[in-house]
Amino acid sequence: MKKATFAAGCFWGIELKFSQLPGVVRTEVGYMGGITDQPSYQDVCRGDTCHAEVVQLEFDERFIDYSTLLDAFWHMHDPTTLNRQGPDIGTQYRSAIFYHDDEQKKLAEESKAQLDTSSAFANSIVTEIVQAKPFWKAEEYHQKYLEKRGMGACGI
């Protein structure tokens, strides 16, 4: 299995969307990109840890490739808004791709450049493309949050 990590606002909604893609075999939500070890949700919400809410997933390349995951990522949020998605505001809600190898970095950069020069978005893409750092799994009540509650979307 290969690993991919994305930040696109509240991790509940993106976890659900990625988990529904054929070939994604596991999802976990957590925190990445910050300066503190073992952050809690309360720590991250305070806004001083520099962590983003992320979904980390494992995928089977026989059924889905990284480029398809990137396409899904770009279309499940607004990558042109800095540090916010909908009503959620703060650096923990930023748009980011955390790459795990050079191939993921290359594909992410090419994908971003192609979209930025197209007319897909009215504004420039602000998504960060950065090397994956330690993943800190979020508290259990955040895992599969929407699925556990029978919710098909994040309406917060």
N, C-alpha and C. Protein backbone atom coordinates (compact mmCIF):
# COMPACT_ATOMS: atom_id res chain seq x y z
N MET A 1 0.83 -1.19 0.00
CA MET A 1 0.00 0.00 0.00
C MET A 1 0.88 1.25 0.00
N LYS A 2 0.38 2.27 -0.65
CA LYS A 2 1.04 3.57 -0.66
C LYS A 2 0.29 4.51 0.29
N LYS A 3 0.97 5.56 0.72
CA LYS A 3 0.41 6.51 1.67
C LYS A 3 0.29 7.88 1.00
N ALA A 4 -0.77 8.61 1.35
CA ALA A 4 -0.96 9.99 0.89
C ALA A 4 -1.57 10.79 2.03
N THR A 5 -1.23 12.08 2.09
CA THR A 5 -1.75 12.94 3.16
C THR A 5 -2.17 14.28 2.57
N PHE A 6 -3.40 14.69 2.93
CA PHE A 6 -3.97 15.92 2.40
C PHE A 6 -4.64 16.73 3.52
N ALA A 7 -4.57 18.04 3.38
CA ALA A 7 -5.29 18.97 4.26
C ALA A 7 -6.19 19.82 3.37
N ALA A 8 -7.47 19.89 3.75
CA ALA A 8 -8.42 20.64 2.92
C ALA A 8 -9.58 21.12 3.78
N GLY A 9 -9.27 21.77 4.87
CA GLY A 9 -10.31 22.22 5.78
C GLY A 9 -10.55 21.20 6.86
N CYS A 10 -11.76 21.15 7.37
CA CYS A 10 -12.13 20.21 8.43
C CYS A 10 -11.87 18.78 7.97
N PHE A 11 -11.17 18.01 8.77
CA PHE A 11 -10.80 16.67 8.34
C PHE A 11 -11.96 15.69 8.28
N TRP A 12 -13.09 15.97 8.90
CA TRP A 12 -14.22 15.04 8.86
C TRP A 12 -14.72 14.83 7.43
N GLY A 13 -14.94 15.92 6.71
CA GLY A 13 -15.50 15.82 5.37
C GLY A 13 -14.55 15.20 4.37
N ILE A 14 -13.28 15.58 4.42
CA ILE A 14 -12.36 15.01 3.44
C ILE A 14 -12.08 13.54 3.72
N GLU A 15 -12.11 13.15 4.99
CA GLU A 15 -11.94 11.72 5.29
C GLU A 15 -13.07 10.92 4.65
N LEU A 16 -14.30 11.40 4.82
CA LEU A 16 -15.43 10.69 4.24
C LEU A 16 -15.32 10.61 2.72
N LYS A 17 -14.98 11.71 2.09
CA LYS A 17 -14.90 11.72 0.62
C LYS A 17 -13.80 10.80 0.12
N PHE A 18 -12.62 10.84 0.73
CA PHE A 18 -11.54 9.96 0.29
C PHE A 18 -11.88 8.49 0.57
N SER A 19 -12.53 8.21 1.69
CA SER A 19 -12.84 6.81 2.04
C SER A 19 -13.79 6.17 1.05
N GLN A 20 -14.53 6.97 0.30
CA GLN A 20 -15.50 6.45 -0.66
C GLN A 20 -14.88 6.15 -2.03
N LEU A 21 -13.62 6.49 -2.23
CA LEU A 21 -12.97 6.24 -3.51
C LEU A 21 -12.50 4.79 -3.59
N PRO A 22 -12.85 4.08 -4.67
CA PRO A 22 -12.36 2.72 -4.84
C PRO A 22 -10.83 2.71 -4.88
N GLY A 23 -10.24 1.84 -4.09
CA GLY A 23 -8.78 1.75 -4.03
C GLY A 23 -8.20 2.39 -2.79
N VAL A 24 -8.97 3.25 -2.12
CA VAL A 24 -8.53 3.79 -0.83
C VAL A 24 -8.93 2.75 0.21
N VAL A 25 -7.94 2.19 0.88
CA VAL A 25 -8.22 1.06 1.76
C VAL A 25 -8.26 1.45 3.24
N ARG A 26 -7.74 2.62 3.58
CA ARG A 26 -7.75 3.04 4.98
C ARG A 26 -7.60 4.55 5.07
N THR A 27 -8.34 5.15 5.98
CA THR A 27 -8.19 6.59 6.25
C THR A 27 -8.07 6.80 7.75
N GLU A 28 -7.30 7.80 8.12
CA GLU A 28 -7.21 8.26 9.50
C GLU A 28 -7.11 9.78 9.47
N VAL A 29 -7.73 10.43 10.43
CA VAL A 29 -7.57 11.87 10.51
C VAL A 29 -6.59 12.20 11.63
N GLY A 30 -5.92 13.33 11.45
CA GLY A 30 -4.94 13.73 12.44
C GLY A 30 -4.37 15.10 12.12
N TYR A 31 -3.16 15.30 12.57
CA TYR A 31 -2.51 16.60 12.49
C TYR A 31 -1.12 16.43 11.90
N MET A 32 -0.72 17.40 11.08
CA MET A 32 0.61 17.36 10.45
C MET A 32 1.05 18.78 10.13
N GLY A 33 2.35 18.94 10.04
CA GLY A 33 2.93 20.19 9.57
C GLY A 33 3.23 21.19 10.66
N GLY A 34 3.10 20.79 11.90
CA GLY A 34 3.28 21.74 13.00
C GLY A 34 4.60 21.60 13.73
N ILE A 35 4.67 22.32 14.83
CA ILE A 35 5.92 22.41 15.59
C ILE A 35 5.86 21.70 16.93
N THR A 36 4.73 21.11 17.27
CA THR A 36 4.61 20.45 18.57
C THR A 36 4.38 18.95 18.38
N ASP A 37 4.85 18.18 19.34
CA ASP A 37 4.64 16.74 19.33
C ASP A 37 3.34 16.40 20.03
N GLN A 38 2.68 15.37 19.52
CA GLN A 38 1.46 14.83 20.11
C GLN A 38 0.41 15.91 20.44
N PRO A 39 0.07 16.73 19.45
CA PRO A 39 -0.93 17.77 19.71
C PRO A 39 -2.32 17.17 19.90
N SER A 40 -3.10 17.81 20.70
CA SER A 40 -4.51 17.45 20.85
C SER A 40 -5.34 18.37 19.96
N TYR A 41 -6.60 18.03 19.81
CA TYR A 41 -7.51 18.88 19.03
C TYR A 41 -7.56 20.29 19.63
N GLN A 42 -7.61 20.36 20.95
CA GLN A 42 -7.64 21.66 21.62
C GLN A 42 -6.37 22.45 21.34
N ASP A 43 -5.22 21.77 21.32
CA ASP A 43 -3.95 22.44 21.01
C ASP A 43 -4.00 23.04 19.61
N VAL A 44 -4.44 22.23 18.66
CA VAL A 44 -4.46 22.66 17.26
C VAL A 44 -5.45 23.81 17.07
N CYS A 45 -6.60 23.74 17.72
CA CYS A 45 -7.61 24.80 17.60
C CYS A 45 -7.14 26.12 18.19
N ARG A 46 -6.22 26.06 19.12
CA ARG A 46 -5.68 27.29 19.70
C ARG A 46 -4.94 28.12 18.65
N GLY A 47 -4.42 27.43 17.61
CA GLY A 47 -3.81 28.13 16.49
C GLY A 47 -2.33 28.40 16.60
N ASP A 48 -1.68 27.90 17.63
CA ASP A 48 -0.25 28.20 17.77
C ASP A 48 0.66 26.99 17.56
N THR A 49 0.10 25.85 17.14
CA THR A 49 0.92 24.66 16.92
C THR A 49 1.42 24.56 15.48
N CYS A 50 0.82 25.31 14.57
CA CYS A 50 1.11 25.29 13.14
C CYS A 50 0.70 24.00 12.45
N HIS A 51 -0.04 23.13 13.14
CA HIS A 51 -0.52 21.89 12.52
C HIS A 51 -1.75 22.17 11.66
N ALA A 52 -1.90 21.36 10.64
CA ALA A 52 -3.11 21.35 9.82
C ALA A 52 -3.91 20.11 10.15
N GLU A 53 -5.23 20.20 10.04
CA GLU A 53 -6.07 19.02 10.11
C GLU A 53 -5.90 18.27 8.80
N VAL A 54 -5.53 16.99 8.88
CA VAL A 54 -5.25 16.21 7.67
C VAL A 54 -5.98 14.89 7.69
N VAL A 55 -6.10 14.33 6.50
CA VAL A 55 -6.47 12.92 6.37
C VAL A 55 -5.26 12.22 5.77
N GLN A 56 -4.87 11.13 6.42
CA GLN A 56 -3.80 10.30 5.88
C GLN A 56 -4.45 9.00 5.43
N LEU A 57 -4.12 8.61 4.21
CA LEU A 57 -4.78 7.43 3.67
C LEU A 57 -3.77 6.47 3.09
N GLU A 58 -4.20 5.22 3.03
CA GLU A 58 -3.46 4.18 2.34
C GLU A 58 -4.28 3.81 1.12
N PHE A 59 -3.59 3.65 0.00
CA PHE A 59 -4.29 3.32 -1.23
C PHE A 59 -3.56 2.22 -1.99
N ASP A 60 -4.33 1.47 -2.74
CA ASP A 60 -3.83 0.36 -3.53
C ASP A 60 -3.67 0.85 -4.96
N GLU A 61 -2.45 0.95 -5.41
CA GLU A 61 -2.17 1.48 -6.75
C GLU A 61 -2.72 0.61 -7.88
N ARG A 62 -3.13 -0.61 -7.58
CA ARG A 62 -3.75 -1.43 -8.61
C ARG A 62 -5.13 -0.90 -8.97
N PHE A 63 -5.73 -0.11 -8.06
CA PHE A 63 -7.10 0.37 -8.25
C PHE A 63 -7.23 1.89 -8.35
N ILE A 64 -6.26 2.60 -7.80
CA ILE A 64 -6.31 4.07 -7.86
C ILE A 64 -4.87 4.59 -7.82
N ASP A 65 -4.60 5.59 -8.60
CA ASP A 65 -3.25 6.15 -8.58
C ASP A 65 -3.24 7.52 -7.90
N TYR A 66 -2.05 8.01 -7.64
CA TYR A 66 -1.90 9.27 -6.92
C TYR A 66 -2.51 10.45 -7.69
N SER A 67 -2.41 10.42 -9.00
CA SER A 67 -3.00 11.50 -9.80
C SER A 67 -4.51 11.57 -9.62
N THR A 68 -5.16 10.43 -9.50
CA THR A 68 -6.60 10.40 -9.27
C THR A 68 -6.92 10.96 -7.89
N LEU A 69 -6.10 10.65 -6.90
CA LEU A 69 -6.29 11.23 -5.57
C LEU A 69 -6.13 12.75 -5.61
N LEU A 70 -5.15 13.23 -6.36
CA LEU A 70 -4.97 14.67 -6.51
C LEU A 70 -6.19 15.32 -7.15
N ASP A 71 -6.72 14.71 -8.20
CA ASP A 71 -7.93 15.25 -8.84
C ASP A 71 -9.07 15.35 -7.84
N ALA A 72 -9.25 14.31 -7.05
CA ALA A 72 -10.31 14.33 -6.04
C ALA A 72 -10.07 15.45 -5.03
N PHE A 73 -8.83 15.58 -4.59
CA PHE A 73 -8.46 16.61 -3.62
C PHE A 73 -8.82 18.01 -4.13
N TRP A 74 -8.43 18.31 -5.35
CA TRP A 74 -8.67 19.65 -5.90
C TRP A 74 -10.16 19.96 -5.97
N HIS A 75 -10.99 18.96 -6.16
CA HIS A 75 -12.42 19.19 -6.36
C HIS A 75 -13.26 19.05 -5.09
N MET A 76 -12.65 18.67 -3.98
CA MET A 76 -13.44 18.52 -2.75
C MET A 76 -13.33 19.73 -1.83
N HIS A 77 -12.61 20.75 -2.24
CA HIS A 77 -12.50 21.97 -1.44
C HIS A 77 -12.11 23.13 -2.34
N ASP A 78 -12.03 24.31 -1.77
CA ASP A 78 -11.60 25.49 -2.52
C ASP A 78 -10.13 25.75 -2.22
N PRO A 79 -9.24 25.38 -3.13
CA PRO A 79 -7.81 25.55 -2.88
C PRO A 79 -7.30 26.98 -3.07
N THR A 80 -8.24 27.92 -3.28
CA THR A 80 -7.84 29.32 -3.48
C THR A 80 -8.07 30.19 -2.26
N THR A 81 -8.62 29.61 -1.20
CA THR A 81 -8.85 30.39 0.02
C THR A 81 -7.76 30.07 1.03
N LEU A 82 -7.15 31.09 1.56
CA LEU A 82 -6.03 30.93 2.49
C LEU A 82 -6.56 30.73 3.91
N ASN A 83 -6.17 29.61 4.49
CA ASN A 83 -6.47 29.32 5.90
C ASN A 83 -7.96 29.34 6.24
N ARG A 84 -8.75 28.82 5.32
CA ARG A 84 -10.18 28.69 5.60
C ARG A 84 -10.83 27.80 4.57
N GLN A 85 -11.90 27.15 5.02
CA GLN A 85 -12.82 26.43 4.15
C GLN A 85 -14.19 26.67 4.72
N GLY A 86 -15.04 27.31 3.94
CA GLY A 86 -16.38 27.62 4.43
C GLY A 86 -16.31 28.43 5.71
N PRO A 87 -17.04 27.99 6.73
CA PRO A 87 -17.06 28.76 7.99
C PRO A 87 -15.84 28.51 8.87
N ASP A 88 -15.01 27.53 8.51
CA ASP A 88 -13.84 27.18 9.33
C ASP A 88 -12.66 28.07 8.96
N ILE A 89 -12.17 28.82 9.95
CA ILE A 89 -11.09 29.78 9.70
C ILE A 89 -9.94 29.50 10.66
N GLY A 90 -8.72 29.52 10.13
CA GLY A 90 -7.52 29.31 10.92
C GLY A 90 -6.51 28.50 10.13
N THR A 91 -5.25 28.57 10.55
CA THR A 91 -4.20 27.87 9.81
C THR A 91 -4.39 26.36 9.80
N GLN A 92 -5.12 25.82 10.79
CA GLN A 92 -5.35 24.37 10.81
C GLN A 92 -6.27 23.93 9.68
N TYR A 93 -6.94 24.89 9.02
CA TYR A 93 -7.85 24.57 7.92
C TYR A 93 -7.24 24.88 6.56
N ARG A 94 -5.94 25.07 6.51
CA ARG A 94 -5.29 25.42 5.24
C ARG A 94 -5.34 24.25 4.25
N SER A 95 -5.12 24.59 3.02
CA SER A 95 -5.05 23.60 1.95
C SER A 95 -3.59 23.20 1.77
N ALA A 96 -3.32 21.90 1.87
CA ALA A 96 -1.94 21.43 1.75
C ALA A 96 -1.89 20.00 1.24
N ILE A 97 -0.84 19.74 0.49
CA ILE A 97 -0.51 18.39 0.07
C ILE A 97 0.81 18.05 0.74
N PHE A 98 0.81 17.01 1.54
CA PHE A 98 2.03 16.55 2.21
C PHE A 98 2.52 15.33 1.44
N TYR A 99 3.60 15.52 0.66
CA TYR A 99 4.08 14.43 -0.18
C TYR A 99 5.00 13.50 0.60
N HIS A 100 4.97 12.22 0.21
CA HIS A 100 5.75 11.19 0.89
C HIS A 100 6.96 10.72 0.09
N ASP A 101 7.06 11.14 -1.16
CA ASP A 101 8.24 10.79 -1.97
C ASP A 101 8.35 11.79 -3.12
N ASP A 102 9.44 11.68 -3.85
CA ASP A 102 9.70 12.63 -4.93
C ASP A 102 8.66 12.55 -6.05
N GLU A 103 8.15 11.36 -6.31
CA GLU A 103 7.14 11.21 -7.36
C GLU A 103 5.85 11.94 -6.98
N GLN A 104 5.43 11.82 -5.71
CA GLN A 104 4.24 12.54 -5.26
C GLN A 104 4.47 14.05 -5.36
N LYS A 105 5.64 14.51 -4.99
CA LYS A 105 5.95 15.94 -5.07
C LYS A 105 5.83 16.42 -6.52
N LYS A 106 6.44 15.68 -7.43
CA LYS A 106 6.41 16.05 -8.85
C LYS A 106 4.98 16.10 -9.37
N LEU A 107 4.21 15.06 -9.09
CA LEU A 107 2.83 15.01 -9.57
C LEU A 107 1.98 16.13 -8.97
N ALA A 108 2.17 16.41 -7.69
CA ALA A 108 1.41 17.48 -7.03
C ALA A 108 1.75 18.84 -7.63
N GLU A 109 3.03 19.10 -7.83
CA GLU A 109 3.45 20.39 -8.40
C GLU A 109 2.93 20.55 -9.83
N GLU A 110 3.01 19.49 -10.63
CA GLU A 110 2.50 19.55 -12.01
C GLU A 110 0.99 19.77 -12.03
N SER A 111 0.31 19.06 -11.16
CA SER A 111 -1.15 19.18 -11.09
C SER A 111 -1.56 20.59 -10.69
N LYS A 112 -0.89 21.13 -9.69
CA LYS A 112 -1.20 22.49 -9.23
C LYS A 112 -0.92 23.51 -10.34
N ALA A 113 0.22 23.39 -10.99
CA ALA A 113 0.58 24.32 -12.06
C ALA A 113 -0.42 24.26 -13.21
N GLN A 114 -0.83 23.06 -13.57
CA GLN A 114 -1.80 22.90 -14.66
C GLN A 114 -3.13 23.56 -14.30
N LEU A 115 -3.61 23.33 -13.08
CA LEU A 115 -4.87 23.93 -12.66
C LEU A 115 -4.77 25.45 -12.55
N ASP A 116 -3.63 25.92 -12.08
CA ASP A 116 -3.45 27.36 -11.88
C ASP A 116 -3.45 28.11 -13.20
N THR A 117 -3.02 27.46 -14.26
CA THR A 117 -3.01 28.13 -15.57
C THR A 117 -4.29 27.88 -16.36
N SER A 118 -5.14 27.03 -15.86
CA SER A 118 -6.43 26.78 -16.52
C SER A 118 -7.45 27.78 -15.99
N SER A 119 -8.64 27.64 -16.42
CA SER A 119 -9.71 28.51 -15.92
C SER A 119 -10.57 27.77 -14.89
N ALA A 120 -10.00 26.75 -14.26
CA ALA A 120 -10.76 25.94 -13.29
C ALA A 120 -11.16 26.76 -12.07
N PHE A 121 -10.31 27.68 -11.66
CA PHE A 121 -10.58 28.51 -10.49
C PHE A 121 -10.41 29.98 -10.86
N ALA A 122 -11.26 30.82 -10.31
CA ALA A 122 -11.19 32.25 -10.60
C ALA A 122 -9.96 32.90 -9.97
N ASN A 123 -9.50 32.36 -8.85
CA ASN A 123 -8.35 32.93 -8.14
C ASN A 123 -7.18 31.95 -8.15
N SER A 124 -6.02 32.42 -7.78
CA SER A 124 -4.82 31.57 -7.74
C SER A 124 -4.91 30.55 -6.61
N ILE A 125 -4.35 29.39 -6.85
CA ILE A 125 -4.32 28.32 -5.86
C ILE A 125 -3.28 28.65 -4.79
N VAL A 126 -3.67 28.52 -3.53
CA VAL A 126 -2.77 28.82 -2.40
C VAL A 126 -2.31 27.55 -1.68
N THR A 127 -2.65 26.40 -2.21
CA THR A 127 -2.30 25.12 -1.59
C THR A 127 -0.79 24.98 -1.44
N GLU A 128 -0.38 24.60 -0.23
CA GLU A 128 1.03 24.31 0.04
C GLU A 128 1.34 22.89 -0.43
N ILE A 129 2.52 22.70 -0.97
CA ILE A 129 3.02 21.37 -1.29
C ILE A 129 4.30 21.21 -0.51
N VAL A 130 4.24 20.40 0.54
CA VAL A 130 5.37 20.28 1.47
C VAL A 130 5.61 18.81 1.82
N GLN A 131 6.83 18.53 2.20
CA GLN A 131 7.18 17.17 2.58
C GLN A 131 6.42 16.75 3.83
N ALA A 132 5.96 15.52 3.82
CA ALA A 132 5.24 14.98 4.97
C ALA A 132 6.14 15.01 6.21
N LYS A 133 5.53 15.37 7.31
CA LYS A 133 6.19 15.38 8.61
C LYS A 133 5.51 14.32 9.46
N PRO A 134 5.88 14.18 10.71
CA PRO A 134 5.20 13.18 11.54
C PRO A 134 3.68 13.41 11.56
N PHE A 135 2.96 12.31 11.46
CA PHE A 135 1.51 12.32 11.52
C PHE A 135 1.11 12.01 12.95
N TRP A 136 0.27 12.87 13.49
CA TRP A 136 -0.24 12.67 14.85
C TRP A 136 -1.72 12.35 14.72
N LYS A 137 -2.08 11.11 15.03
CA LYS A 137 -3.46 10.67 14.91
C LYS A 137 -4.35 11.47 15.84
N ALA A 138 -5.49 11.91 15.30
CA ALA A 138 -6.46 12.66 16.11
C ALA A 138 -7.16 11.72 17.08
N GLU A 139 -7.82 12.31 18.04
CA GLU A 139 -8.56 11.57 19.04
C GLU A 139 -9.57 10.64 18.37
N GLU A 140 -9.88 9.55 19.04
CA GLU A 140 -10.74 8.51 18.46
C GLU A 140 -12.10 9.06 18.03
N TYR A 141 -12.66 10.00 18.77
CA TYR A 141 -13.99 10.49 18.40
C TYR A 141 -13.99 11.24 17.08
N HIS A 142 -12.82 11.64 16.58
CA HIS A 142 -12.74 12.29 15.27
C HIS A 142 -12.66 11.28 14.12
N GLN A 143 -12.24 10.06 14.40
CA GLN A 143 -12.06 9.05 13.35
C GLN A 143 -13.44 8.64 12.81
N LYS A 144 -13.57 8.70 11.47
CA LYS A 144 -14.83 8.32 10.81
C LYS A 144 -16.02 9.06 11.41
N TYR A 145 -15.81 10.29 11.80
CA TYR A 145 -16.82 11.08 12.52
C TYR A 145 -18.17 11.11 11.80
N LEU A 146 -18.17 11.48 10.54
CA LEU A 146 -19.43 11.59 9.80
C LEU A 146 -20.06 10.23 9.55
N GLU A 147 -19.22 9.25 9.25
CA GLU A 147 -19.73 7.90 9.01
C GLU A 147 -20.40 7.34 10.26
N LYS A 148 -19.79 7.51 11.42
CA LYS A 148 -20.36 7.00 12.68
C LYS A 148 -21.71 7.63 12.98
N ARG A 149 -21.93 8.83 12.50
CA ARG A 149 -23.17 9.55 12.78
C ARG A 149 -24.18 9.46 11.64
N GLY A 150 -23.85 8.67 10.63
CA GLY A 150 -24.78 8.49 9.51
C GLY A 150 -24.96 9.73 8.68
N MET A 151 -23.95 10.59 8.70
CA MET A 151 -24.03 11.84 7.94
C MET A 151 -23.31 11.68 6.62
N GLY A 152 -23.93 12.12 5.54
CA GLY A 152 -23.33 12.00 4.22
C GLY A 152 -22.48 13.18 3.82
N ALA A 153 -22.47 14.22 4.64
CA ALA A 153 -21.69 15.42 4.32
C ALA A 153 -21.43 16.18 5.61
N CYS A 154 -20.48 17.06 5.53
CA CYS A 154 -20.14 17.90 6.67
C CYS A 154 -20.92 19.21 6.54
N GLY A 155 -21.90 19.41 7.38
CA GLY A 155 -22.74 20.59 7.26
C GLY A 155 -22.41 21.66 8.27
N ILE A 156 -21.23 21.59 8.84
CA ILE A 156 -20.85 22.57 9.87
C ILE A 156 -20.42 23.86 9.22
